[in-house]
Amino acid sequence: MSYEATRDRVETYFDRTATQVWARLTSDAPVSRIRQTVREGRDAMRALMLARLPADLSGARVLDAGCGAGQMTAELAARGAEVLACDISPALVRIAQKRLPDPQKPRVTFHAGDMLDPALGRFDFTVAMDSLIYYAGTDLARALDGLAARSAGGVVFTVAPRTVLLMAMWRAGRLFPRADRSPTMVPHSAAGLAQALRRTGCDARLTPLGRVARGFYISEAMEVRR
């Protein structure tokens, strides 16, 4: 499936199918035990990614690529960054706008659209938490190449790691593509992604940053920097 086809499927899922579920998951409302592990995992991953960035981001322009309901956006703005919060789902962008604390609003610009659009400009840093996990190797490598070219301080992002459990789930999803309307995560290893980056001609350096596993949430943070 092409990048554009996958992107459109992601938009449909988050903008029409799962908006309310996602809004609840990213709030402090009570959720099921399974979803609580996902919430905890996401909190831990966000902290891991933010630890890679300067504690003081005053004056820095940061792209929150796939901002979702805006949790990362709020923390970046709290560090003083000028944030462009972009998501393919207008519904999630509206939630993020509504939730953003008033003191941070002057530092954030929201945009509903493709996070890879070159018209968004250049940045000091880019973060992409769980927003690139649906793309195959070549498409992911091209996306990272484009983002790295416009991000002076690098791109911190996540992938679904190639674990036995995730690979089994991925294969099951391929067998039953119509059983679940949600997009399917595509697992990647650091070695495989580095190879895909080389095939695209990208000279960015790939650095694994760490993995978070909490119940039904498992994700690995990496960084590409030119």
N, C-alpha and C. Protein backbone atom coordinates (compact mmCIF):
# COMPACT_ATOMS: atom_id res chain seq x y z
N MET A 1 0.85 -1.19 0.00
CA MET A 1 0.00 0.00 0.00
C MET A 1 0.89 1.25 0.00
N SER A 2 0.58 2.22 -0.83
CA SER A 2 1.39 3.43 -0.95
C SER A 2 1.26 4.31 0.29
N TYR A 3 2.20 5.27 0.41
CA TYR A 3 2.13 6.21 1.53
C TYR A 3 0.79 6.93 1.54
N GLU A 4 0.35 7.40 0.38
CA GLU A 4 -0.88 8.19 0.31
C GLU A 4 -2.09 7.34 0.72
N ALA A 5 -2.14 6.08 0.27
CA ALA A 5 -3.26 5.21 0.61
C ALA A 5 -3.28 4.93 2.11
N THR A 6 -2.11 4.66 2.69
CA THR A 6 -2.03 4.42 4.13
C THR A 6 -2.41 5.67 4.90
N ARG A 7 -1.90 6.82 4.46
CA ARG A 7 -2.23 8.08 5.13
C ARG A 7 -3.74 8.31 5.14
N ASP A 8 -4.39 8.06 4.02
CA ASP A 8 -5.83 8.28 3.93
C ASP A 8 -6.59 7.31 4.84
N ARG A 9 -6.10 6.10 4.96
CA ARG A 9 -6.73 5.13 5.86
C ARG A 9 -6.57 5.57 7.32
N VAL A 10 -5.39 6.08 7.65
CA VAL A 10 -5.16 6.59 9.00
C VAL A 10 -6.10 7.75 9.30
N GLU A 11 -6.26 8.64 8.33
CA GLU A 11 -7.17 9.78 8.52
C GLU A 11 -8.59 9.30 8.78
N THR A 12 -9.05 8.36 7.97
CA THR A 12 -10.42 7.86 8.13
C THR A 12 -10.62 7.25 9.50
N TYR A 13 -9.64 6.47 9.95
CA TYR A 13 -9.77 5.80 11.24
C TYR A 13 -9.83 6.80 12.39
N PHE A 14 -8.88 7.73 12.45
CA PHE A 14 -8.82 8.64 13.58
C PHE A 14 -9.83 9.77 13.49
N ASP A 15 -10.24 10.12 12.27
CA ASP A 15 -11.15 11.26 12.13
C ASP A 15 -12.62 10.84 12.16
N ARG A 16 -12.90 9.55 11.91
CA ARG A 16 -14.30 9.13 11.85
C ARG A 16 -14.60 7.95 12.75
N THR A 17 -13.71 6.98 12.78
CA THR A 17 -14.00 5.73 13.48
C THR A 17 -13.67 5.78 14.96
N ALA A 18 -12.49 6.29 15.30
CA ALA A 18 -11.98 6.13 16.67
C ALA A 18 -11.76 7.45 17.40
N THR A 19 -12.37 8.51 16.93
CA THR A 19 -12.12 9.82 17.55
C THR A 19 -12.47 9.83 19.03
N GLN A 20 -13.63 9.35 19.39
CA GLN A 20 -14.06 9.40 20.78
C GLN A 20 -13.25 8.45 21.66
N VAL A 21 -12.91 7.29 21.11
CA VAL A 21 -12.07 6.35 21.86
C VAL A 21 -10.71 6.98 22.14
N TRP A 22 -10.15 7.63 21.12
CA TRP A 22 -8.84 8.25 21.27
C TRP A 22 -8.91 9.44 22.22
N ALA A 23 -9.98 10.20 22.14
CA ALA A 23 -10.14 11.34 23.05
C ALA A 23 -10.19 10.87 24.50
N ARG A 24 -10.87 9.77 24.75
CA ARG A 24 -10.97 9.26 26.12
C ARG A 24 -9.63 8.69 26.59
N LEU A 25 -8.96 7.95 25.70
CA LEU A 25 -7.68 7.34 26.06
C LEU A 25 -6.66 8.39 26.46
N THR A 26 -6.67 9.54 25.77
CA THR A 26 -5.67 10.57 26.02
C THR A 26 -6.12 11.60 27.06
N SER A 27 -7.22 11.31 27.74
CA SER A 27 -7.69 12.17 28.81
C SER A 27 -7.37 11.50 30.15
N ASP A 28 -7.94 12.04 31.24
CA ASP A 28 -7.78 11.40 32.55
C ASP A 28 -9.05 10.66 32.95
N ALA A 29 -9.93 10.40 31.99
CA ALA A 29 -11.17 9.67 32.26
C ALA A 29 -10.85 8.19 32.52
N PRO A 30 -11.67 7.51 33.33
CA PRO A 30 -11.46 6.08 33.58
C PRO A 30 -11.53 5.28 32.28
N VAL A 31 -10.63 4.30 32.15
CA VAL A 31 -10.62 3.43 30.98
C VAL A 31 -10.44 1.98 31.46
N SER A 32 -10.58 1.04 30.54
CA SER A 32 -10.41 -0.36 30.89
C SER A 32 -8.96 -0.65 31.29
N ARG A 33 -8.75 -1.80 31.90
CA ARG A 33 -7.40 -2.17 32.33
C ARG A 33 -6.44 -2.25 31.15
N ILE A 34 -6.93 -2.77 30.04
CA ILE A 34 -6.09 -2.88 28.84
C ILE A 34 -5.70 -1.49 28.34
N ARG A 35 -6.69 -0.61 28.23
CA ARG A 35 -6.40 0.74 27.74
C ARG A 35 -5.56 1.53 28.72
N GLN A 36 -5.66 1.20 30.02
CA GLN A 36 -4.81 1.87 30.99
C GLN A 36 -3.34 1.54 30.75
N THR A 37 -3.03 0.31 30.34
CA THR A 37 -1.64 -0.02 30.03
C THR A 37 -1.16 0.77 28.81
N VAL A 38 -2.06 0.98 27.85
CA VAL A 38 -1.70 1.78 26.68
C VAL A 38 -1.45 3.22 27.09
N ARG A 39 -2.29 3.75 27.96
CA ARG A 39 -2.12 5.12 28.45
C ARG A 39 -0.79 5.27 29.17
N GLU A 40 -0.48 4.31 30.05
CA GLU A 40 0.78 4.36 30.79
C GLU A 40 1.98 4.23 29.86
N GLY A 41 1.85 3.36 28.86
CA GLY A 41 2.94 3.20 27.90
C GLY A 41 3.19 4.46 27.11
N ARG A 42 2.12 5.11 26.70
CA ARG A 42 2.27 6.35 25.94
C ARG A 42 2.89 7.44 26.79
N ASP A 43 2.51 7.52 28.05
CA ASP A 43 3.11 8.51 28.94
C ASP A 43 4.62 8.28 29.07
N ALA A 44 4.99 7.01 29.23
CA ALA A 44 6.42 6.68 29.37
C ALA A 44 7.18 6.98 28.08
N MET A 45 6.57 6.67 26.95
CA MET A 45 7.24 6.95 25.68
C MET A 45 7.41 8.43 25.44
N ARG A 46 6.39 9.21 25.76
CA ARG A 46 6.48 10.66 25.58
C ARG A 46 7.62 11.22 26.42
N ALA A 47 7.76 10.72 27.65
CA ALA A 47 8.86 11.17 28.51
C ALA A 47 10.22 10.78 27.94
N LEU A 48 10.31 9.58 27.38
CA LEU A 48 11.56 9.12 26.78
C LEU A 48 11.96 10.01 25.60
N MET A 49 11.00 10.36 24.76
CA MET A 49 11.28 11.19 23.60
C MET A 49 11.67 12.61 24.02
N LEU A 50 10.93 13.15 24.98
CA LEU A 50 11.22 14.51 25.43
C LEU A 50 12.59 14.60 26.08
N ALA A 51 13.04 13.51 26.68
CA ALA A 51 14.37 13.52 27.31
C ALA A 51 15.48 13.70 26.29
N ARG A 52 15.20 13.45 25.03
CA ARG A 52 16.19 13.62 23.97
C ARG A 52 16.33 15.08 23.54
N LEU A 53 15.36 15.90 23.91
CA LEU A 53 15.34 17.31 23.51
C LEU A 53 15.85 18.18 24.65
N PRO A 54 16.31 19.40 24.36
CA PRO A 54 16.74 20.31 25.43
C PRO A 54 15.60 20.62 26.39
N ALA A 55 15.94 20.76 27.67
CA ALA A 55 14.92 21.10 28.66
C ALA A 55 14.35 22.49 28.40
N ASP A 56 15.17 23.38 27.87
CA ASP A 56 14.73 24.73 27.52
C ASP A 56 14.69 24.84 26.00
N LEU A 57 13.50 24.93 25.46
CA LEU A 57 13.32 25.03 24.01
C LEU A 57 12.93 26.45 23.58
N SER A 58 13.19 27.41 24.41
CA SER A 58 12.83 28.80 24.08
C SER A 58 13.47 29.21 22.76
N GLY A 59 12.65 29.72 21.86
CA GLY A 59 13.14 30.16 20.57
C GLY A 59 13.24 29.08 19.53
N ALA A 60 13.06 27.81 19.91
CA ALA A 60 13.16 26.70 18.95
C ALA A 60 11.81 26.48 18.28
N ARG A 61 11.86 26.20 16.98
CA ARG A 61 10.65 25.84 16.24
C ARG A 61 10.59 24.32 16.13
N VAL A 62 9.50 23.74 16.63
CA VAL A 62 9.39 22.29 16.71
C VAL A 62 8.13 21.82 15.99
N LEU A 63 8.29 20.79 15.18
CA LEU A 63 7.14 20.16 14.51
C LEU A 63 6.70 18.96 15.34
N ASP A 64 5.45 18.99 15.80
CA ASP A 64 4.83 17.82 16.41
C ASP A 64 4.07 17.12 15.29
N ALA A 65 4.74 16.15 14.67
CA ALA A 65 4.23 15.49 13.47
C ALA A 65 3.30 14.36 13.86
N GLY A 66 2.01 14.58 13.68
CA GLY A 66 1.01 13.64 14.15
C GLY A 66 0.69 13.93 15.60
N CYS A 67 0.22 15.14 15.86
CA CYS A 67 0.07 15.63 17.24
C CYS A 67 -1.06 14.96 17.99
N GLY A 68 -2.00 14.32 17.29
CA GLY A 68 -3.12 13.67 17.97
C GLY A 68 -3.88 14.63 18.84
N ALA A 69 -4.14 14.22 20.08
CA ALA A 69 -4.93 15.04 21.01
C ALA A 69 -4.10 16.08 21.74
N GLY A 70 -2.81 16.19 21.40
CA GLY A 70 -2.03 17.34 21.82
C GLY A 70 -1.22 17.23 23.09
N GLN A 71 -1.02 16.03 23.63
CA GLN A 71 -0.25 15.91 24.88
C GLN A 71 1.22 16.30 24.68
N MET A 72 1.83 15.83 23.62
CA MET A 72 3.21 16.20 23.32
C MET A 72 3.30 17.69 23.02
N THR A 73 2.35 18.20 22.28
CA THR A 73 2.32 19.62 21.94
C THR A 73 2.38 20.48 23.19
N ALA A 74 1.54 20.15 24.17
CA ALA A 74 1.48 20.94 25.40
C ALA A 74 2.82 20.92 26.14
N GLU A 75 3.47 19.76 26.17
CA GLU A 75 4.75 19.68 26.90
C GLU A 75 5.85 20.42 26.16
N LEU A 76 5.84 20.39 24.85
CA LEU A 76 6.83 21.15 24.07
C LEU A 76 6.65 22.65 24.29
N ALA A 77 5.40 23.09 24.25
CA ALA A 77 5.12 24.51 24.46
C ALA A 77 5.49 24.94 25.88
N ALA A 78 5.30 24.04 26.85
CA ALA A 78 5.66 24.35 28.23
C ALA A 78 7.16 24.55 28.39
N ARG A 79 7.94 23.95 27.49
CA ARG A 79 9.40 24.14 27.52
C ARG A 79 9.83 25.40 26.76
N GLY A 80 8.85 26.11 26.20
CA GLY A 80 9.16 27.35 25.53
C GLY A 80 9.23 27.27 24.02
N ALA A 81 8.97 26.11 23.43
CA ALA A 81 9.07 25.95 21.98
C ALA A 81 7.94 26.66 21.26
N GLU A 82 8.24 27.09 20.04
CA GLU A 82 7.21 27.53 19.10
C GLU A 82 6.81 26.29 18.31
N VAL A 83 5.62 25.77 18.56
CA VAL A 83 5.23 24.45 18.07
C VAL A 83 4.27 24.57 16.89
N LEU A 84 4.56 23.81 15.84
CA LEU A 84 3.58 23.58 14.78
C LEU A 84 3.03 22.18 15.02
N ALA A 85 1.79 22.10 15.48
CA ALA A 85 1.15 20.83 15.79
C ALA A 85 0.31 20.41 14.60
N CYS A 86 0.74 19.33 13.94
CA CYS A 86 0.11 18.90 12.70
C CYS A 86 -0.45 17.50 12.84
N ASP A 87 -1.65 17.29 12.34
CA ASP A 87 -2.23 15.95 12.33
C ASP A 87 -3.15 15.82 11.12
N ILE A 88 -3.21 14.61 10.58
CA ILE A 88 -4.04 14.37 9.40
C ILE A 88 -5.53 14.39 9.75
N SER A 89 -5.85 14.25 11.05
CA SER A 89 -7.24 14.22 11.50
C SER A 89 -7.70 15.58 12.02
N PRO A 90 -8.58 16.27 11.30
CA PRO A 90 -9.10 17.55 11.81
C PRO A 90 -9.81 17.40 13.16
N ALA A 91 -10.46 16.25 13.39
CA ALA A 91 -11.17 16.05 14.65
C ALA A 91 -10.20 16.03 15.82
N LEU A 92 -9.07 15.35 15.67
CA LEU A 92 -8.08 15.31 16.74
C LEU A 92 -7.42 16.67 16.93
N VAL A 93 -7.21 17.39 15.85
CA VAL A 93 -6.65 18.74 15.97
C VAL A 93 -7.57 19.64 16.79
N ARG A 94 -8.87 19.50 16.57
CA ARG A 94 -9.82 20.31 17.35
C ARG A 94 -9.76 19.95 18.83
N ILE A 95 -9.60 18.67 19.14
CA ILE A 95 -9.47 18.25 20.54
C ILE A 95 -8.20 18.84 21.14
N ALA A 96 -7.10 18.77 20.40
CA ALA A 96 -5.83 19.31 20.88
C ALA A 96 -5.94 20.81 21.13
N GLN A 97 -6.59 21.53 20.24
CA GLN A 97 -6.77 22.97 20.42
C GLN A 97 -7.57 23.27 21.68
N LYS A 98 -8.62 22.51 21.89
CA LYS A 98 -9.50 22.75 23.05
C LYS A 98 -8.77 22.46 24.36
N ARG A 99 -7.91 21.46 24.37
CA ARG A 99 -7.24 21.04 25.60
C ARG A 99 -5.99 21.87 25.94
N LEU A 100 -5.44 22.55 24.98
CA LEU A 100 -4.19 23.27 25.23
C LEU A 100 -4.40 24.35 26.28
N PRO A 101 -3.59 24.36 27.34
CA PRO A 101 -3.73 25.40 28.38
C PRO A 101 -3.56 26.80 27.81
N ASP A 102 -4.33 27.73 28.32
CA ASP A 102 -4.32 29.09 27.79
C ASP A 102 -2.93 29.73 27.75
N PRO A 103 -2.09 29.55 28.78
CA PRO A 103 -0.77 30.20 28.73
C PRO A 103 0.11 29.73 27.57
N GLN A 104 -0.18 28.54 27.03
CA GLN A 104 0.66 27.99 25.97
C GLN A 104 0.13 28.30 24.56
N LYS A 105 -1.09 28.78 24.48
CA LYS A 105 -1.71 28.97 23.17
C LYS A 105 -0.96 29.92 22.24
N PRO A 106 -0.35 30.99 22.75
CA PRO A 106 0.38 31.87 21.82
C PRO A 106 1.58 31.20 21.15
N ARG A 107 2.08 30.10 21.72
CA ARG A 107 3.26 29.45 21.17
C ARG A 107 2.94 28.29 20.23
N VAL A 108 1.65 28.02 20.00
CA VAL A 108 1.28 26.85 19.21
C VAL A 108 0.43 27.25 18.00
N THR A 109 0.81 26.70 16.85
CA THR A 109 0.01 26.83 15.64
C THR A 109 -0.47 25.43 15.26
N PHE A 110 -1.76 25.26 15.07
CA PHE A 110 -2.31 23.96 14.70
C PHE A 110 -2.56 23.90 13.20
N HIS A 111 -2.36 22.70 12.65
CA HIS A 111 -2.56 22.50 11.22
C HIS A 111 -3.10 21.11 10.97
N ALA A 112 -4.22 21.02 10.28
CA ALA A 112 -4.79 19.73 9.87
C ALA A 112 -4.33 19.43 8.45
N GLY A 113 -3.50 18.41 8.32
CA GLY A 113 -2.98 18.07 7.00
C GLY A 113 -1.82 17.09 7.10
N ASP A 114 -1.13 16.93 5.98
CA ASP A 114 -0.04 15.97 5.89
C ASP A 114 1.19 16.49 6.61
N MET A 115 1.68 15.71 7.58
CA MET A 115 2.85 16.13 8.36
C MET A 115 4.12 16.19 7.52
N LEU A 116 4.12 15.60 6.33
CA LEU A 116 5.30 15.61 5.48
C LEU A 116 5.31 16.75 4.46
N ASP A 117 4.30 17.59 4.49
CA ASP A 117 4.18 18.68 3.52
C ASP A 117 5.37 19.65 3.65
N PRO A 118 6.19 19.79 2.60
CA PRO A 118 7.33 20.70 2.67
C PRO A 118 6.94 22.15 2.94
N ALA A 119 5.70 22.51 2.61
CA ALA A 119 5.24 23.88 2.83
C ALA A 119 5.17 24.24 4.32
N LEU A 120 5.24 23.24 5.20
CA LEU A 120 5.24 23.53 6.63
C LEU A 120 6.52 24.22 7.07
N GLY A 121 7.57 24.13 6.25
CA GLY A 121 8.80 24.87 6.53
C GLY A 121 9.87 24.04 7.21
N ARG A 122 10.80 24.76 7.83
CA ARG A 122 11.95 24.14 8.49
C ARG A 122 11.81 24.25 10.01
N PHE A 123 12.50 23.35 10.70
CA PHE A 123 12.34 23.26 12.16
C PHE A 123 13.70 23.03 12.82
N ASP A 124 13.75 23.33 14.10
CA ASP A 124 14.93 22.97 14.89
C ASP A 124 14.86 21.50 15.30
N PHE A 125 13.66 21.02 15.60
CA PHE A 125 13.45 19.63 15.96
C PHE A 125 12.10 19.16 15.43
N THR A 126 12.01 17.85 15.19
CA THR A 126 10.73 17.23 14.85
C THR A 126 10.53 16.03 15.77
N VAL A 127 9.31 15.89 16.29
CA VAL A 127 8.94 14.69 17.03
C VAL A 127 7.74 14.06 16.34
N ALA A 128 7.76 12.73 16.26
CA ALA A 128 6.68 11.99 15.60
C ALA A 128 6.39 10.75 16.44
N MET A 129 5.51 10.90 17.42
CA MET A 129 5.21 9.79 18.33
C MET A 129 4.05 8.96 17.83
N ASP A 130 4.34 7.73 17.46
CA ASP A 130 3.35 6.75 17.02
C ASP A 130 2.54 7.22 15.81
N SER A 131 3.11 8.13 15.04
CA SER A 131 2.40 8.61 13.85
C SER A 131 2.99 8.06 12.55
N LEU A 132 4.14 7.39 12.64
CA LEU A 132 4.77 6.79 11.46
C LEU A 132 4.76 5.27 11.53
N ILE A 133 4.01 4.72 12.47
CA ILE A 133 4.08 3.28 12.73
C ILE A 133 3.28 2.45 11.73
N TYR A 134 2.56 3.08 10.82
CA TYR A 134 1.72 2.34 9.88
C TYR A 134 2.37 2.18 8.51
N TYR A 135 3.58 2.67 8.34
CA TYR A 135 4.18 2.74 7.01
C TYR A 135 5.26 1.69 6.80
N ALA A 136 5.29 1.14 5.59
CA ALA A 136 6.29 0.14 5.23
C ALA A 136 7.66 0.79 5.09
N GLY A 137 8.71 -0.05 5.00
CA GLY A 137 10.08 0.42 5.07
C GLY A 137 10.44 1.55 4.12
N THR A 138 10.13 1.39 2.85
CA THR A 138 10.51 2.41 1.87
C THR A 138 9.79 3.72 2.13
N ASP A 139 8.49 3.65 2.39
CA ASP A 139 7.72 4.87 2.66
C ASP A 139 8.19 5.54 3.95
N LEU A 140 8.48 4.73 4.96
CA LEU A 140 8.96 5.30 6.22
C LEU A 140 10.31 5.96 6.03
N ALA A 141 11.20 5.31 5.30
CA ALA A 141 12.52 5.88 5.06
C ALA A 141 12.43 7.20 4.30
N ARG A 142 11.57 7.26 3.30
CA ARG A 142 11.41 8.50 2.55
C ARG A 142 10.82 9.61 3.43
N ALA A 143 9.87 9.23 4.28
CA ALA A 143 9.28 10.22 5.20
C ALA A 143 10.35 10.77 6.13
N LEU A 144 11.16 9.89 6.69
CA LEU A 144 12.21 10.32 7.61
C LEU A 144 13.27 11.16 6.91
N ASP A 145 13.58 10.80 5.67
CA ASP A 145 14.56 11.56 4.89
C ASP A 145 14.07 12.99 4.70
N GLY A 146 12.79 13.13 4.33
CA GLY A 146 12.24 14.47 4.12
C GLY A 146 12.17 15.28 5.39
N LEU A 147 11.78 14.64 6.50
CA LEU A 147 11.70 15.35 7.77
C LEU A 147 13.08 15.74 8.27
N ALA A 148 14.04 14.83 8.13
CA ALA A 148 15.40 15.13 8.59
C ALA A 148 16.03 16.28 7.81
N ALA A 149 15.70 16.36 6.52
CA ALA A 149 16.25 17.44 5.71
C ALA A 149 15.75 18.81 6.16
N ARG A 150 14.62 18.84 6.86
CA ARG A 150 14.04 20.12 7.30
C ARG A 150 14.11 20.30 8.81
N SER A 151 14.88 19.43 9.50
CA SER A 151 14.96 19.49 10.96
C SER A 151 16.43 19.55 11.38
N ALA A 152 16.89 20.72 11.74
CA ALA A 152 18.32 20.93 12.02
C ALA A 152 18.80 20.06 13.17
N GLY A 153 17.96 19.86 14.19
CA GLY A 153 18.37 19.10 15.36
C GLY A 153 17.95 17.66 15.35
N GLY A 154 17.40 17.19 14.24
CA GLY A 154 17.03 15.80 14.11
C GLY A 154 15.55 15.53 14.30
N VAL A 155 15.20 14.27 14.07
CA VAL A 155 13.82 13.79 14.17
C VAL A 155 13.78 12.66 15.19
N VAL A 156 12.99 12.83 16.24
CA VAL A 156 12.78 11.78 17.23
C VAL A 156 11.41 11.16 16.93
N PHE A 157 11.39 9.85 16.73
CA PHE A 157 10.16 9.20 16.26
C PHE A 157 10.06 7.81 16.89
N THR A 158 8.94 7.16 16.65
CA THR A 158 8.74 5.81 17.16
C THR A 158 8.40 4.85 16.03
N VAL A 159 8.74 3.59 16.26
CA VAL A 159 8.33 2.50 15.37
C VAL A 159 7.76 1.38 16.23
N ALA A 160 7.03 0.49 15.59
CA ALA A 160 6.63 -0.75 16.24
C ALA A 160 7.79 -1.73 16.07
N PRO A 161 8.40 -2.19 17.16
CA PRO A 161 9.56 -3.06 17.04
C PRO A 161 9.18 -4.46 16.56
N ARG A 162 10.14 -5.14 15.98
CA ARG A 162 9.90 -6.49 15.46
C ARG A 162 10.04 -7.53 16.58
N THR A 163 9.02 -7.59 17.44
CA THR A 163 8.99 -8.62 18.47
C THR A 163 8.17 -9.80 17.97
N VAL A 164 8.31 -10.94 18.65
CA VAL A 164 7.56 -12.14 18.26
C VAL A 164 6.06 -11.87 18.33
N LEU A 165 5.61 -11.21 19.42
CA LEU A 165 4.19 -10.95 19.59
C LEU A 165 3.66 -10.01 18.51
N LEU A 166 4.37 -8.91 18.27
CA LEU A 166 3.90 -7.95 17.27
C LEU A 166 3.92 -8.54 15.87
N MET A 167 4.91 -9.36 15.56
CA MET A 167 4.96 -9.99 14.25
C MET A 167 3.78 -10.95 14.07
N ALA A 168 3.41 -11.67 15.12
CA ALA A 168 2.26 -12.57 15.05
C ALA A 168 0.97 -11.78 14.82
N MET A 169 0.83 -10.67 15.54
CA MET A 169 -0.34 -9.82 15.37
C MET A 169 -0.38 -9.22 13.98
N TRP A 170 0.78 -8.83 13.47
CA TRP A 170 0.86 -8.24 12.13
C TRP A 170 0.43 -9.24 11.07
N ARG A 171 0.92 -10.47 11.19
CA ARG A 171 0.56 -11.50 10.21
C ARG A 171 -0.93 -11.82 10.30
N ALA A 172 -1.47 -11.85 11.50
CA ALA A 172 -2.91 -12.10 11.65
C ALA A 172 -3.71 -10.98 11.01
N GLY A 173 -3.25 -9.76 11.17
CA GLY A 173 -3.93 -8.63 10.56
C GLY A 173 -3.92 -8.69 9.05
N ARG A 174 -2.85 -9.21 8.48
CA ARG A 174 -2.78 -9.34 7.03
C ARG A 174 -3.70 -10.44 6.53
N LEU A 175 -3.94 -11.44 7.36
CA LEU A 175 -4.85 -12.50 6.96
C LEU A 175 -6.30 -12.04 6.98
N PHE A 176 -6.61 -11.10 7.88
CA PHE A 176 -7.98 -10.64 8.04
C PHE A 176 -8.06 -9.13 7.93
N PRO A 177 -7.77 -8.58 6.74
CA PRO A 177 -7.69 -7.12 6.60
C PRO A 177 -9.01 -6.40 6.79
N ARG A 178 -10.13 -7.09 6.65
CA ARG A 178 -11.42 -6.43 6.78
C ARG A 178 -12.03 -6.62 8.17
N ALA A 179 -11.36 -7.37 9.01
CA ALA A 179 -11.92 -7.65 10.33
C ALA A 179 -11.80 -6.46 11.28
N ASP A 180 -10.89 -5.57 10.99
CA ASP A 180 -10.64 -4.43 11.87
C ASP A 180 -10.43 -3.20 11.00
N ARG A 181 -11.16 -2.13 11.28
CA ARG A 181 -11.05 -0.94 10.45
C ARG A 181 -9.82 -0.11 10.79
N SER A 182 -9.12 -0.46 11.87
CA SER A 182 -7.95 0.32 12.24
C SER A 182 -6.79 0.01 11.32
N PRO A 183 -5.89 0.97 11.11
CA PRO A 183 -4.69 0.72 10.32
C PRO A 183 -3.81 -0.31 11.04
N THR A 184 -3.02 -1.05 10.27
CA THR A 184 -2.16 -2.07 10.83
C THR A 184 -0.75 -1.51 11.01
N MET A 185 -0.20 -1.68 12.21
CA MET A 185 1.18 -1.27 12.44
C MET A 185 2.12 -2.17 11.63
N VAL A 186 3.19 -1.57 11.12
CA VAL A 186 4.20 -2.33 10.38
C VAL A 186 5.46 -2.37 11.24
N PRO A 187 5.86 -3.55 11.75
CA PRO A 187 7.04 -3.63 12.61
C PRO A 187 8.33 -3.36 11.85
N HIS A 188 9.29 -2.74 12.54
CA HIS A 188 10.61 -2.45 11.95
C HIS A 188 11.70 -2.73 12.97
N SER A 189 12.84 -3.16 12.47
CA SER A 189 14.04 -3.26 13.30
C SER A 189 14.95 -2.09 12.95
N ALA A 190 15.86 -1.76 13.86
CA ALA A 190 16.80 -0.67 13.59
C ALA A 190 17.67 -1.00 12.38
N ALA A 191 18.12 -2.25 12.28
CA ALA A 191 18.97 -2.64 11.15
C ALA A 191 18.22 -2.55 9.84
N GLY A 192 16.98 -3.02 9.82
CA GLY A 192 16.19 -2.97 8.60
C GLY A 192 15.87 -1.56 8.18
N LEU A 193 15.56 -0.70 9.15
CA LEU A 193 15.25 0.69 8.82
C LEU A 193 16.50 1.42 8.34
N ALA A 194 17.64 1.14 8.96
CA ALA A 194 18.89 1.76 8.50
C ALA A 194 19.17 1.37 7.04
N GLN A 195 18.90 0.12 6.71
CA GLN A 195 19.10 -0.33 5.34
C GLN A 195 18.14 0.38 4.39
N ALA A 196 16.89 0.54 4.81
CA ALA A 196 15.91 1.24 3.98
C ALA A 196 16.32 2.69 3.76
N LEU A 197 16.87 3.33 4.79
CA LEU A 197 17.34 4.71 4.65
C LEU A 197 18.48 4.79 3.64
N ARG A 198 19.38 3.83 3.68
CA ARG A 198 20.49 3.84 2.72
C ARG A 198 19.97 3.66 1.30
N ARG A 199 18.96 2.83 1.14
CA ARG A 199 18.41 2.61 -0.21
C ARG A 199 17.79 3.87 -0.78
N THR A 200 17.25 4.74 0.08
CA THR A 200 16.66 5.98 -0.41
C THR A 200 17.71 7.05 -0.69
N GLY A 201 18.97 6.77 -0.32
CA GLY A 201 20.03 7.75 -0.51
C GLY A 201 20.14 8.72 0.65
N CYS A 202 19.44 8.42 1.75
CA CYS A 202 19.47 9.31 2.92
C CYS A 202 20.76 9.07 3.69
N ASP A 203 21.48 10.15 4.00
CA ASP A 203 22.73 10.03 4.73
C ASP A 203 22.56 10.36 6.21
N ALA A 204 21.32 10.34 6.70
CA ALA A 204 21.07 10.62 8.11
C ALA A 204 21.53 9.47 8.98
N ARG A 205 21.96 9.78 10.20
CA ARG A 205 22.40 8.78 11.16
C ARG A 205 21.21 8.33 12.01
N LEU A 206 21.01 7.01 12.09
CA LEU A 206 19.91 6.44 12.86
C LEU A 206 20.41 5.97 14.22
N THR A 207 19.74 6.42 15.28
CA THR A 207 20.15 6.05 16.64
C THR A 207 18.95 5.50 17.41
N PRO A 208 18.98 4.23 17.83
CA PRO A 208 17.92 3.71 18.71
C PRO A 208 18.01 4.39 20.08
N LEU A 209 16.87 4.76 20.65
CA LEU A 209 16.84 5.48 21.92
C LEU A 209 16.28 4.67 23.07
N GLY A 210 15.51 3.65 22.78
CA GLY A 210 14.95 2.86 23.87
C GLY A 210 13.55 2.36 23.53
N ARG A 211 13.12 1.35 24.27
CA ARG A 211 11.83 0.71 24.03
C ARG A 211 10.96 0.83 25.28
N VAL A 212 9.66 1.01 25.06
CA VAL A 212 8.68 1.04 26.15
C VAL A 212 7.69 -0.09 25.92
N ALA A 213 7.48 -0.91 26.93
CA ALA A 213 6.50 -1.99 26.87
C ALA A 213 5.66 -1.96 28.13
N ARG A 214 4.38 -1.67 27.96
CA ARG A 214 3.44 -1.65 29.08
C ARG A 214 2.18 -2.41 28.63
N GLY A 215 2.04 -3.64 29.01
CA GLY A 215 0.85 -4.39 28.64
C GLY A 215 0.66 -4.44 27.13
N PHE A 216 -0.41 -3.80 26.65
CA PHE A 216 -0.73 -3.83 25.23
C PHE A 216 -0.06 -2.71 24.45
N TYR A 217 0.82 -1.95 25.09
CA TYR A 217 1.56 -0.91 24.38
C TYR A 217 3.02 -1.32 24.29
N ILE A 218 3.55 -1.34 23.07
CA ILE A 218 4.97 -1.56 22.88
C ILE A 218 5.43 -0.71 21.70
N SER A 219 6.45 0.09 21.94
CA SER A 219 6.93 1.01 20.91
C SER A 219 8.40 1.29 21.17
N GLU A 220 9.12 1.60 20.10
CA GLU A 220 10.55 1.88 20.23
C GLU A 220 10.86 3.26 19.67
N ALA A 221 11.61 4.05 20.43
CA ALA A 221 11.99 5.39 20.02
C ALA A 221 13.33 5.34 19.28
N MET A 222 13.43 6.14 18.23
CA MET A 222 14.67 6.27 17.47
C MET A 222 14.85 7.72 17.07
N GLU A 223 16.03 8.03 16.58
CA GLU A 223 16.31 9.38 16.11
C GLU A 223 17.08 9.29 14.80
N VAL A 224 16.72 10.17 13.87
CA VAL A 224 17.54 10.35 12.67
C VAL A 224 18.01 11.79 12.66
N ARG A 225 19.29 11.95 12.33
CA ARG A 225 19.88 13.27 12.31
C ARG A 225 20.94 13.33 11.22
N ARG A 226 20.92 14.43 10.48
CA ARG A 226 21.94 14.62 9.44
C ARG A 226 23.15 15.32 9.99
